[in-house]
C-alpha atoms as a PDB file:
ATOM      1  CA  MET A   1      13.889 107.139  97.005  1.00  0.00           C
ATOM      2  CA  LEU A   2      15.405 105.513  94.090  1.00  0.00           C
ATOM      3  CA  LEU A   3      13.873 102.109  93.425  1.00  0.00           C
ATOM      4  CA  ALA A   4      15.458 100.962  90.170  1.00  0.00           C
ATOM      5  CA  ALA A   5      18.175  98.313  90.369  1.00  0.00           C
ATOM      6  CA  LEU A   6      21.206  98.846  88.272  1.00  0.00           C
ATOM      7  CA  GLY A   7      21.979  96.422  85.501  1.00  0.00           C
ATOM      8  CA  TRP A   8      23.892  93.092  85.733  1.00  0.00           C
ATOM      9  CA  HIS A   9      27.683  93.411  85.399  1.00  0.00           C
ATOM     10  CA  ALA A  10      29.645  90.298  84.214  1.00  0.00           C
ATOM     11  CA  PHE A  11      33.120  89.036  85.425  1.00  0.00           C
ATOM     12  CA  ALA A  12      33.883  86.631  82.559  1.00  0.00           C
ATOM     13  CA  VAL A  13      35.725  83.342  82.960  1.00  0.00           C
ATOM     14  CA  ALA A  14      37.363  82.541  79.576  1.00  0.00           C
ATOM     15  CA  ARG A  15      34.444  81.380  77.351  1.00  0.00           C
ATOM     16  CA  ASP A  16      32.964  79.346  80.023  1.00  0.00           C
ATOM     17  CA  VAL A  17      29.423  78.150  79.214  1.00  0.00           C
ATOM     18  CA  ALA A  18      28.467  77.418  82.822  1.00  0.00           C
ATOM     19  CA  GLU A  19      25.502  79.140  84.203  1.00  0.00           C
ATOM     20  CA  PRO A  20      26.663  82.441  85.923  1.00  0.00           C
ATOM     21  CA  LEU A  21      26.694  82.721  89.645  1.00  0.00           C
ATOM     22  CA  ARG A  22      24.558  85.729  90.660  1.00  0.00           C
ATOM     23  CA  PHE A  23      25.879  87.828  93.505  1.00  0.00           C
ATOM     24  CA  GLY A  24      23.694  90.460  95.318  1.00  0.00           C
ATOM     25  CA  VAL A  25      25.256  93.476  97.024  1.00  0.00           C
ATOM     26  CA  LEU A  26      23.523  95.944  99.429  1.00  0.00           C
ATOM     27  CA  PRO A  27      24.054  99.569  98.658  1.00  0.00           C
ATOM     28  CA  ILE A  28      27.016 101.100 100.528  1.00  0.00           C
ATOM     29  CA  GLY A  29      27.256 104.688  99.202  1.00  0.00           C
ATOM     30  CA  GLY A  30      25.665 104.204  95.820  1.00  0.00           C
ATOM     31  CA  ALA A  31      24.962 101.126  93.626  1.00  0.00           C
ATOM     32  CA  VAL A  32      27.793 101.773  91.261  1.00  0.00           C
ATOM     33  CA  GLU A  33      30.299 102.322  94.173  1.00  0.00           C
ATOM     34  CA  SER A  34      29.137  99.046  95.769  1.00  0.00           C
ATOM     35  CA  LYS A  35      29.524  97.150  92.490  1.00  0.00           C
ATOM     36  CA  ASP A  36      32.928  98.494  91.803  1.00  0.00           C
ATOM     37  CA  GLY A  37      34.159  97.755  95.242  1.00  0.00           C
ATOM     38  CA  TRP A  38      33.301  94.087  94.852  1.00  0.00           C
ATOM     39  CA  ALA A  39      34.589  93.687  91.353  1.00  0.00           C
ATOM     40  CA  PRO A  40      38.173  92.389  92.194  1.00  0.00           C
ATOM     41  CA  LEU A  41      36.898  89.849  94.655  1.00  0.00           C
ATOM     42  CA  LEU A  42      34.245  88.508  92.381  1.00  0.00           C
ATOM     43  CA  ALA A  43      36.641  88.258  89.563  1.00  0.00           C
ATOM     44  CA  ASP A  44      38.807  86.069  91.742  1.00  0.00           C
ATOM     45  CA  LEU A  45      35.762  84.058  92.758  1.00  0.00           C
ATOM     46  CA  ALA A  46      34.831  83.466  89.105  1.00  0.00           C
ATOM     47  CA  ARG A  47      38.370  82.014  88.483  1.00  0.00           C
ATOM     48  CA  ALA A  48      38.188  79.919  91.663  1.00  0.00           C
ATOM     49  CA  VAL A  49      34.855  78.184  90.964  1.00  0.00           C
ATOM     50  CA  GLY A  50      35.161  78.033  87.112  1.00  0.00           C
ATOM     51  CA  ARG A  51      31.919  79.993  86.432  1.00  0.00           C
ATOM     52  CA  PRO A  52      31.151  83.517  85.541  1.00  0.00           C
ATOM     53  CA  VAL A  53      29.982  85.756  88.336  1.00  0.00           C
ATOM     54  CA  THR A  54      27.348  88.493  87.783  1.00  0.00           C
ATOM     55  CA  VAL A  55      26.584  91.224  90.359  1.00  0.00           C
ATOM     56  CA  LEU A  56      23.332  92.789  91.115  1.00  0.00           C
ATOM     57  CA  SER A  57      24.014  96.054  92.820  1.00  0.00           C
ATOM     58  CA  VAL A  58      20.850  97.862  93.915  1.00  0.00           C
ATOM     59  CA  THR A  59      19.810 101.148  95.338  1.00  0.00           C
ATOM     60  CA  THR A  60      17.539  99.861  98.073  1.00  0.00           C
ATOM     61  CA  TYR A  61      17.121  96.929 100.406  1.00  0.00           C
ATOM     62  CA  GLU A  62      13.619  96.388  98.965  1.00  0.00           C
ATOM     63  CA  SER A  63      15.091  95.708  95.477  1.00  0.00           C
ATOM     64  CA  LEU A  64      17.547  93.157  96.709  1.00  0.00           C
ATOM     65  CA  GLY A  65      14.954  91.438  98.909  1.00  0.00           C
ATOM     66  CA  GLN A  66      12.599  91.137  95.792  1.00  0.00           C
ATOM     67  CA  ALA A  67      15.316  89.702  93.738  1.00  0.00           C
ATOM     68  CA  ILE A  68      15.995  87.109  96.447  1.00  0.00           C
ATOM     69  CA  GLU A  69      12.327  86.171  96.587  1.00  0.00           C
ATOM     70  CA  ARG A  70      12.319  85.758  92.759  1.00  0.00           C
ATOM     71  CA  ASN A  71      15.316  83.266  93.053  1.00  0.00           C
ATOM     72  CA  GLU A  72      17.409  85.783  91.030  1.00  0.00           C
ATOM     73  CA  VAL A  73      20.321  85.739  93.476  1.00  0.00           C
ATOM     74  CA  ASP A  74      22.518  82.802  94.301  1.00  0.00           C
ATOM     75  CA  LEU A  75      24.935  84.484  96.799  1.00  0.00           C
ATOM     76  CA  ALA A  76      24.698  87.770  98.578  1.00  0.00           C
ATOM     77  CA  LEU A  77      26.045  90.062 101.289  1.00  0.00           C
ATOM     78  CA  LEU A  78      23.055  91.093 103.403  1.00  0.00           C
ATOM     79  CA  SER A  79      22.281  92.843 106.518  1.00  0.00           C
ATOM     80  CA  ALA A  80      21.701  90.540 109.489  1.00  0.00           C
ATOM     81  CA  LYS A  81      17.992  91.278 109.354  1.00  0.00           C
ATOM     82  CA  MET A  82      17.729  90.425 105.698  1.00  0.00           C
ATOM     83  CA  ALA A  83      19.815  87.305 106.154  1.00  0.00           C
ATOM     84  CA  LEU A  84      17.541  86.277 108.999  1.00  0.00           C
ATOM     85  CA  ASP A  85      14.463  86.592 106.670  1.00  0.00           C
ATOM     86  CA  ALA A  86      16.185  84.678 103.895  1.00  0.00           C
ATOM     87  CA  VAL A  87      17.280  81.783 106.158  1.00  0.00           C
ATOM     88  CA  THR A  88      14.037  81.478 108.064  1.00  0.00           C
ATOM     89  CA  GLU A  89      12.047  81.485 104.898  1.00  0.00           C
ATOM     90  CA  ARG A  90      14.342  78.522 103.878  1.00  0.00           C
ATOM     91  CA  ARG A  91      15.765  80.201 100.828  1.00  0.00           C
ATOM     92  CA  MET A  92      19.389  80.612 101.823  1.00  0.00           C
ATOM     93  CA  ASN A  93      22.019  79.426 104.320  1.00  0.00           C
ATOM     94  CA  VAL A  94      24.932  81.420 106.010  1.00  0.00           C
ATOM     95  CA  LEU A  95      28.313  80.688 104.570  1.00  0.00           C
ATOM     96  CA  VAL A  96      30.643  83.227 106.250  1.00  0.00           C
ATOM     97  CA  GLN A  97      30.638  86.490 108.099  1.00  0.00           C
ATOM     98  CA  VAL A  98      33.037  89.427 108.358  1.00  0.00           C
ATOM     99  CA  LYS A  99      35.941  88.396 110.641  1.00  0.00           C
ATOM    100  CA  ARG A 100      36.820  90.668 113.492  1.00  0.00           C
ATOM    101  CA  HIS A 101      38.802  90.270 116.652  1.00  0.00           C
ATOM    102  CA  PRO A 102      38.508  92.175 119.998  1.00  0.00           C
ATOM    103  CA  GLY A 103      41.228  94.645 118.902  1.00  0.00           C
ATOM    104  CA  ASP A 104      39.192  95.844 115.923  1.00  0.00           C
ATOM    105  CA  PRO A 105      37.145  98.918 115.964  1.00  0.00           C
ATOM    106  CA  ASP A 106      33.503  98.020 116.826  1.00  0.00           C
ATOM    107  CA  HIS A 107      30.885  98.324 114.105  1.00  0.00           C
ATOM    108  CA  ARG A 108      28.092 100.287 115.798  1.00  0.00           C
ATOM    109  CA  ALA A 109      24.976 102.264 114.931  1.00  0.00           C
ATOM    110  CA  ILE A 110      25.297 106.052 115.416  1.00  0.00           C
ATOM    111  CA  LEU A 111      23.258 109.243 115.202  1.00  0.00           C
ATOM    112  CA  LEU A 112      24.669 112.252 113.380  1.00  0.00           C
ATOM    113  CA  VAL A 113      23.820 115.968 113.731  1.00  0.00           C
ATOM    114  CA  ARG A 114      25.286 119.109 112.455  1.00  0.00           C
ATOM    115  CA  LYS A 115      27.821 120.682 114.717  1.00  0.00           C
ATOM    116  CA  ASP A 116      26.224 124.213 114.092  1.00  0.00           C
ATOM    117  CA  GLY A 117      22.722 122.939 113.732  1.00  0.00           C
ATOM    118  CA  PRO A 118      19.712 123.659 115.885  1.00  0.00           C
ATOM    119  CA  LEU A 119      19.657 120.212 117.434  1.00  0.00           C
ATOM    120  CA  SER A 120      22.523 120.354 119.975  1.00  0.00           C
ATOM    121  CA  SER A 121      21.889 117.451 122.308  1.00  0.00           C
ATOM    122  CA  LEU A 122      20.388 113.974 122.531  1.00  0.00           C
ATOM    123  CA  ASP A 123      18.145 115.206 125.355  1.00  0.00           C
ATOM    124  CA  ASP A 124      16.462 117.718 122.910  1.00  0.00           C
ATOM    125  CA  LEU A 125      15.965 115.047 120.343  1.00  0.00           C
ATOM    126  CA  LEU A 126      14.354 112.596 122.759  1.00  0.00           C
ATOM    127  CA  ALA A 127      12.183 115.277 124.545  1.00  0.00           C
ATOM    128  CA  HIS A 128      10.781 116.921 121.303  1.00  0.00           C
ATOM    129  CA  PRO A 129      11.111 114.523 118.353  1.00  0.00           C
ATOM    130  CA  GLU A 130       8.264 116.208 116.586  1.00  0.00           C
ATOM    131  CA  ARG A 131      10.511 119.319 116.039  1.00  0.00           C
ATOM    132  CA  TRP A 132      13.145 117.401 114.060  1.00  0.00           C
ATOM    133  CA  ARG A 133      13.568 116.045 110.567  1.00  0.00           C
ATOM    134  CA  LEU A 134      14.901 112.470 110.497  1.00  0.00           C
ATOM    135  CA  ALA A 135      16.989 110.675 107.755  1.00  0.00           C
ATOM    136  CA  ARG A 136      17.130 107.035 108.476  1.00  0.00           C
ATOM    137  CA  GLY A 137      17.937 103.661 106.915  1.00  0.00           C
ATOM    138  CA  ASP A 138      15.615 101.047 105.649  1.00  0.00           C
ATOM    139  CA  SER A 139      13.638  99.124 108.234  1.00  0.00           C
ATOM    140  CA  ARG A 140      15.643  96.093 107.406  1.00  0.00           C
ATOM    141  CA  SER A 141      18.889  97.858 108.185  1.00  0.00           C
ATOM    142  CA  VAL A 142      20.335  96.858 111.589  1.00  0.00           C
ATOM    143  CA  SER A 143      22.316 100.079 112.134  1.00  0.00           C
ATOM    144  CA  GLY A 144      20.125 102.456 110.150  1.00  0.00           C
ATOM    145  CA  PHE A 145      16.830 101.429 111.927  1.00  0.00           C
ATOM    146  CA  ILE A 146      16.687  98.393 114.238  1.00  0.00           C
ATOM    147  CA  LEU A 147      19.381  99.208 116.767  1.00  0.00           C
ATOM    148  CA  PRO A 148      18.424 102.894 117.143  1.00  0.00           C
ATOM    149  CA  GLN A 149      14.897 101.784 117.662  1.00  0.00           C
ATOM    150  CA  VAL A 150      15.611  98.989 120.184  1.00  0.00           C
ATOM    151  CA  GLN A 151      18.453 100.664 122.167  1.00  0.00           C
ATOM    152  CA  LEU A 152      17.479 104.342 122.075  1.00  0.00           C
ATOM    153  CA  PHE A 153      13.998 105.469 120.794  1.00  0.00           C
ATOM    154  CA  LEU A 154      11.586 102.753 121.923  1.00  0.00           C
ATOM    155  CA  PRO A 155      12.925 102.790 125.442  1.00  0.00           C
ATOM    156  CA  HIS A 156      12.028 106.509 125.444  1.00  0.00           C
ATOM    157  CA  ARG A 157       8.727 105.792 123.863  1.00  0.00           C
ATOM    158  CA  VAL A 158       9.670 107.351 120.591  1.00  0.00           C
ATOM    159  CA  GLU A 159       8.526 105.616 117.370  1.00  0.00           C
ATOM    160  CA  MET A 160      10.930 106.590 114.606  1.00  0.00           C
ATOM    161  CA  GLU A 161       8.252 106.139 111.842  1.00  0.00           C
ATOM    162  CA  THR A 162       5.638 108.339 113.446  1.00  0.00           C
ATOM    163  CA  ARG A 163       7.023 110.869 115.950  1.00  0.00           C
ATOM    164  CA  PHE A 164       9.429 113.062 113.882  1.00  0.00           C
ATOM    165  CA  LYS A 165       8.523 116.120 111.915  1.00  0.00           C
ATOM    166  CA  SER A 166       9.345 114.384 108.706  1.00  0.00           C
ATOM    167  CA  GLU A 167      11.578 111.558 107.602  1.00  0.00           C
ATOM    168  CA  MET A 168      13.503 110.383 104.568  1.00  0.00           C
ATOM    169  CA  VAL A 169      14.837 106.857 104.018  1.00  0.00           C
ATOM    170  CA  GLY A 170      18.061 106.199 102.169  1.00  0.00           C
ATOM    171  CA  THR A 171      21.503 104.709 102.239  1.00  0.00           C
ATOM    172  CA  HIS A 172      24.005 105.624 104.848  1.00  0.00           C
ATOM    173  CA  GLN A 173      25.744 108.011 102.468  1.00  0.00           C
ATOM    174  CA  ALA A 174      22.409 109.696 101.668  1.00  0.00           C
ATOM    175  CA  THR A 175      21.401 110.173 105.261  1.00  0.00           C
ATOM    176  CA  ALA A 176      24.735 111.617 106.350  1.00  0.00           C
ATOM    177  CA  LEU A 177      24.626 114.069 103.256  1.00  0.00           C
ATOM    178  CA  ALA A 178      21.119 115.071 104.233  1.00  0.00           C
ATOM    179  CA  VAL A 179      22.210 116.347 107.606  1.00  0.00           C
ATOM    180  CA  ALA A 180      25.406 117.856 106.343  1.00  0.00           C
ATOM    181  CA  ASN A 181      23.505 119.805 103.633  1.00  0.00           C
ATOM    182  CA  GLY A 182      20.723 120.970 106.083  1.00  0.00           C
ATOM    183  CA  ASP A 183      18.003 118.729 104.571  1.00  0.00           C
ATOM    184  CA  ALA A 184      17.565 116.829 107.838  1.00  0.00           C
ATOM    185  CA  ASP A 185      18.367 117.413 111.493  1.00  0.00           C
ATOM    186  CA  VAL A 186      19.409 113.987 112.546  1.00  0.00           C
ATOM    187  CA  ALA A 187      20.563 110.902 110.721  1.00  0.00           C
ATOM    188  CA  THR A 188      20.946 107.176 111.575  1.00  0.00           C
ATOM    189  CA  ASN A 189      24.317 105.722 110.366  1.00  0.00           C
ATOM    190  CA  ASN A 190      27.111 103.471 111.521  1.00  0.00           C
ATOM    191  CA  THR A 191      30.779 103.784 112.423  1.00  0.00           C
ATOM    192  CA  THR A 192      32.061 101.900 109.356  1.00  0.00           C
ATOM    193  CA  ASP A 193      30.112 103.816 106.725  1.00  0.00           C
ATOM    194  CA  PHE A 194      30.726 107.102 108.455  1.00  0.00           C
ATOM    195  CA  GLU A 195      34.488 106.413 108.242  1.00  0.00           C
ATOM    196  CA  ARG A 196      34.007 105.806 104.509  1.00  0.00           C
ATOM    197  CA  PHE A 197      31.944 108.947 104.298  1.00  0.00           C
ATOM    198  CA  ARG A 198      34.863 110.967 105.852  1.00  0.00           C
ATOM    199  CA  HIS A 199      37.214 109.893 103.079  1.00  0.00           C
ATOM    200  CA  GLN A 200      34.777 110.611 100.273  1.00  0.00           C
ATOM    201  CA  PHE A 201      33.148 113.839 101.657  1.00  0.00           C
ATOM    202  CA  PRO A 202      35.710 115.381 104.049  1.00  0.00           C
ATOM    203  CA  ALA A 203      34.043 118.858 103.912  1.00  0.00           C
ATOM    204  CA  GLU A 204      30.554 117.549 104.616  1.00  0.00           C
ATOM    205  CA  ALA A 205      31.909 115.119 107.271  1.00  0.00           C
ATOM    206  CA  GLY A 206      33.497 118.008 109.031  1.00  0.00           C
ATOM    207  CA  ARG A 207      30.079 119.600 109.652  1.00  0.00           C
ATOM    208  CA  LEU A 208      28.840 116.526 111.408  1.00  0.00           C
ATOM    209  CA  GLN A 209      29.113 115.113 114.952  1.00  0.00           C
ATOM    210  CA  VAL A 210      28.118 111.832 116.584  1.00  0.00           C
ATOM    211  CA  VAL A 211      25.574 112.234 119.494  1.00  0.00           C
ATOM    212  CA  TRP A 212      24.891 108.486 120.204  1.00  0.00           C
ATOM    213  CA  ARG A 213      26.434 105.032 119.684  1.00  0.00           C
ATOM    214  CA  SER A 214      24.863 101.723 120.009  1.00  0.00           C
ATOM    215  CA  ASP A 215      26.235  98.433 121.266  1.00  0.00           C
ATOM    216  CA  PRO A 216      28.151  96.521 118.606  1.00  0.00           C
ATOM    217  CA  THR A 217      26.029  95.345 115.773  1.00  0.00           C
ATOM    218  CA  PRO A 218      25.654  91.643 114.507  1.00  0.00           C
ATOM    219  CA  GLN A 219      28.182  90.933 111.746  1.00  0.00           C
ATOM    220  CA  ALA A 220      26.924  91.058 108.202  1.00  0.00           C
ATOM    221  CA  PRO A 221      26.958  87.581 106.621  1.00  0.00           C
ATOM    222  CA  ILE A 222      27.346  86.258 103.170  1.00  0.00           C
ATOM    223  CA  VAL A 223      24.584  83.741 102.367  1.00  0.00           C
ATOM    224  CA  ALA A 224      24.018  81.264  99.536  1.00  0.00           C
ATOM    225  CA  ARG A 225      20.956  79.680  98.131  1.00  0.00           C
ATOM    226  CA  ARG A 226      19.933  76.564  99.981  1.00  0.00           C
ATOM    227  CA  ASP A 227      19.489  74.567  96.942  1.00  0.00           C
ATOM    228  CA  LEU A 228      22.964  74.957  95.644  1.00  0.00           C
ATOM    229  CA  PRO A 229      24.823  71.593  95.767  1.00  0.00           C
ATOM    230  CA  PRO A 230      26.362  71.094  99.218  1.00  0.00           C
ATOM    231  CA  GLU A 231      29.939  70.482  97.769  1.00  0.00           C
ATOM    232  CA  PHE A 232      29.604  73.739  95.797  1.00  0.00           C
ATOM    233  CA  GLN A 233      28.551  75.656  99.007  1.00  0.00           C
ATOM    234  CA  LYS A 234      31.652  74.141 100.669  1.00  0.00           C
ATOM    235  CA  LYS A 235      33.761  75.404  97.692  1.00  0.00           C
ATOM    236  CA  LEU A 236      32.349  78.818  98.098  1.00  0.00           C
ATOM    237  CA  ARG A 237      32.976  78.880 101.884  1.00  0.00           C
ATOM    238  CA  ALA A 238      36.595  77.728 101.270  1.00  0.00           C
ATOM    239  CA  PHE A 239      37.119  80.580  98.822  1.00  0.00           C
ATOM    240  CA  PHE A 240      35.938  83.343 101.220  1.00  0.00           C
ATOM    241  CA  THR A 241      37.637  81.921 104.279  1.00  0.00           C
ATOM    242  CA  GLY A 242      40.922  81.617 102.304  1.00  0.00           C
ATOM    243  CA  TYR A 243      40.675  85.042 100.555  1.00  0.00           C
ATOM    244  CA  GLY A 244      43.526  87.353 101.517  1.00  0.00           C
ATOM    245  CA  ARG A 245      45.641  84.641 103.187  1.00  0.00           C
ATOM    246  CA  GLU A 246      47.959  83.922 100.352  1.00  0.00           C
ATOM    247  CA  PRO A 247      51.596  85.224 100.596  1.00  0.00           C
ATOM    248  CA  GLY A 248      53.121  87.363  97.975  1.00  0.00           C
ATOM    249  CA  VAL A 249      51.735  89.795  95.362  1.00  0.00           C
ATOM    250  CA  ARG A 250      48.382  87.984  94.806  1.00  0.00           C
ATOM    251  CA  GLY A 251      47.774  87.859  98.587  1.00  0.00           C
ATOM    252  CA  ASN A 252      48.698  91.551  98.901  1.00  0.00           C
ATOM    253  CA  ALA A 253      46.184  92.531  96.193  1.00  0.00           C
ATOM    254  CA  GLN A 254      43.485  90.468  97.907  1.00  0.00           C
ATOM    255  CA  ARG A 255      44.164  92.165 101.273  1.00  0.00           C
ATOM    256  CA  GLU A 256      43.827  95.566  99.647  1.00  0.00           C
ATOM    257  CA  THR A 257      40.523  94.473  98.252  1.00  0.00           C
ATOM    258  CA  LEU A 258      39.390  93.376 101.683  1.00  0.00           C
ATOM    259  CA  LYS A 259      40.451  96.706 103.160  1.00  0.00           C
ATOM    260  CA  ASP A 260      38.337  98.535 100.554  1.00  0.00           C
ATOM    261  CA  LEU A 261      35.366  96.336 101.550  1.00  0.00           C
ATOM    262  CA  HIS A 262      35.990  97.158 105.272  1.00  0.00           C
ATOM    263  CA  ALA A 263      36.733  93.491 105.948  1.00  0.00           C
ATOM    264  CA  SER A 264      40.433  93.794 106.484  1.00  0.00           C
ATOM    265  CA  LEU A 265      40.673  90.411 108.354  1.00  0.00           C
ATOM    266  CA  GLY A 266      38.739  88.608 105.782  1.00  0.00           C
ATOM    267  CA  TYR A 267      35.771  86.140 106.409  1.00  0.00           C
ATOM    268  CA  ALA A 268      35.204  83.497 109.062  1.00  0.00           C
ATOM    269  CA  ALA A 269      33.240  80.367 108.412  1.00  0.00           C
ATOM    270  CA  ALA A 270      29.785  80.534 109.923  1.00  0.00           C
ATOM    271  CA  ASP A 271      26.427  78.799 109.894  1.00  0.00           C
ATOM    272  CA  ASN A 272      22.842  79.789 110.533  1.00  0.00           C
ATOM    273  CA  LYS A 273      23.487  80.159 114.304  1.00  0.00           C
ATOM    274  CA  ALA A 274      25.312  83.250 113.433  1.00  0.00           C
ATOM    275  CA  LEU A 275      21.943  84.879 113.063  1.00  0.00           C
ATOM    276  CA  LEU A 276      20.733  84.232 116.616  1.00  0.00           C
ATOM    277  CA  PRO A 277      21.822  87.711 117.756  1.00  0.00           C
ATOM    278  CA  ALA A 278      19.756  89.173 114.793  1.00  0.00           C
ATOM    279  CA  ALA A 279      16.839  87.111 115.820  1.00  0.00           C
ATOM    280  CA  ARG A 280      17.184  88.469 119.354  1.00  0.00           C
ATOM    281  CA  LEU A 281      17.106  92.084 118.101  1.00  0.00           C
ATOM    282  CA  GLU A 282      14.051  91.517 115.979  1.00  0.00           C
ATOM    283  CA  TYR A 283      12.423  89.943 119.050  1.00  0.00           C
ATOM    284  CA  GLN A 284      13.249  92.894 121.152  1.00  0.00           C
ATOM    285  CA  LEU A 285      11.931  95.386 118.535  1.00  0.00           C
ATOM    286  CA  ALA A 286       8.648  93.471 118.287  1.00  0.00           C
ATOM    287  CA  ARG A 287       8.167  93.215 121.994  1.00  0.00           C
ATOM    288  CA  GLN A 288       9.095  96.913 122.717  1.00  0.00           C
ATOM    289  CA  SER A 289       6.770  98.060 119.925  1.00  0.00           C
ATOM    290  CA  ALA A 290       3.946  95.991 121.367  1.00  0.00           C
ATOM    291  CA  LEU A 291       4.549  97.294 124.898  1.00  0.00           C
ATOM    292  CA  ASN A 292       4.485 100.960 123.639  1.00  0.00           C
ATOM    293  CA  ALA A 293       1.369 100.524 121.492  1.00  0.00           C
ATOM    294  CA  ARG A 294      -2.170 101.398 122.511  1.00  0.00           C
ATOM    295  CA  TRP A 295      -4.521  98.350 122.762  1.00  0.00           C
ATOM    296  CA  VAL A 296      -8.225  97.901 123.253  1.00  0.00           C
ATOM    297  CA  SER A 297      -7.560  95.631 126.252  1.00  0.00           C
ATOM    298  CA  GLU A 298      -4.754  94.211 128.245  1.00  0.00           C
ATOM    299  CA  GLU A 299      -5.827  90.794 126.954  1.00  0.00           C
ATOM    300  CA  ALA A 300      -5.184  91.958 123.390  1.00  0.00           C
ATOM    301  CA  ARG A 301      -1.809  93.223 124.384  1.00  0.00           C
ATOM    302  CA  GLN A 302      -0.869  89.909 126.001  1.00  0.00           C
ATOM    303  CA  ALA A 303      -2.074  87.970 123.072  1.00  0.00           C
ATOM    304  CA  LYS A 304       0.260  90.017 120.814  1.00  0.00           C
ATOM    305  CA  LEU A 305       3.204  89.365 123.271  1.00  0.00           C
ATOM    306  CA  ASP A 306       2.401  85.623 123.359  1.00  0.00           C
ATOM    307  CA  ARG A 307       2.535  85.516 119.523  1.00  0.00           C
ATOM    308  CA  ILE A 308       5.896  87.337 119.626  1.00  0.00           C
ATOM    309  CA  GLU A 309       7.287  84.855 122.045  1.00  0.00           C
ATOM    310  CA  GLN A 310       6.123  81.938 119.945  1.00  0.00           C
ATOM    311  CA  ALA A 311       7.572  83.341 116.775  1.00  0.00           C
ATOM    312  CA  TYR A 312      10.919  84.024 118.403  1.00  0.00           C
ATOM    313  CA  ALA A 313      11.054  80.458 119.773  1.00  0.00           C
ATOM    314  CA  GLN A 314      10.343  79.165 116.259  1.00  0.00           C
ATOM    315  CA  GLN A 315      13.074  81.348 114.718  1.00  0.00           C
ATOM    316  CA  GLN A 316      15.588  79.975 117.240  1.00  0.00           C
ATOM    317  CA  ALA A 317      14.552  76.434 116.586  1.00  0.00           C
ATOM    318  CA  VAL A 318      15.087  76.947 112.737  1.00  0.00           C
ATOM    319  CA  LEU A 319      18.473  78.630 113.103  1.00  0.00           C
ATOM    320  CA  ARG A 320      19.757  75.974 115.448  1.00  0.00           C
ATOM    321  CA  ALA A 321      18.289  72.926 113.398  1.00  0.00           C
ATOM    322  CA  ASP A 322      19.668  74.201 110.166  1.00  0.00           C
ATOM    323  CA  SER A 323      23.114  74.433 111.565  1.00  0.00           C
ATOM    324  CA  ARG A 324      23.617  70.871 112.687  1.00  0.00           C
END
């Protein structure tokens, strides 16, 4: 698994001496692809706020998480789980999230297998996980790890990290390619990234089929550093919520950019309460894992469950308080 982060890429505002605004991007297919996809929007952002904008496009969730911990990121698109950690650790606040309406296709976690592969059914996967090679997302990925665990594997007493013959961890593009090329038998993925994969790798996508879909995932938010001035955070929120709504040529270009980012309706204003569904998923994951684990006594198990309940209550309190 690649761990090195790609270098910073600048979108310059004419000879502005202001400190750059640093934007972090999760890997979509690859780090370069992710960076290039965001370039038009971030150039517009630099003009709107009068500051240069740099982008940190990384190959792993871990790299971006470490950059946030080192205060090297001012603004970022994160998975709901990563955003939850950033907000509850009081480093960042939610600004906006991807806007969708009931008529939009749902963003869901999925499992992929080869159409002509040895693994032909979900029943075979759940009955004998030790026979199969798994390609999955990072443990902080909602669709690549958390939802498959919570909604499929743990209810069938299957721990993704220990029960399979082997596992690889990578981006959604990497996991799909692993199954398509015969290097893995089953992959976690999501409907949005698999659609992107179909356009980029039509031959490989043609070898794959979906054998499971989750409930809709929490929306990915854009978060900002908590210590940015409140008026500047309002300016950032206004930029994102207004992006793609202008008439004419400029608005058309922005709408094309949003389509490329799989956010065709743009962004809706949000606050930290938007992460309550992510907190619920984390709670369910922790609780199911504790219930499935072996314990020296029932008292030890109950003590763990009590700690999980307490941590969940504290998370909810932080998210609700910070949104007032």
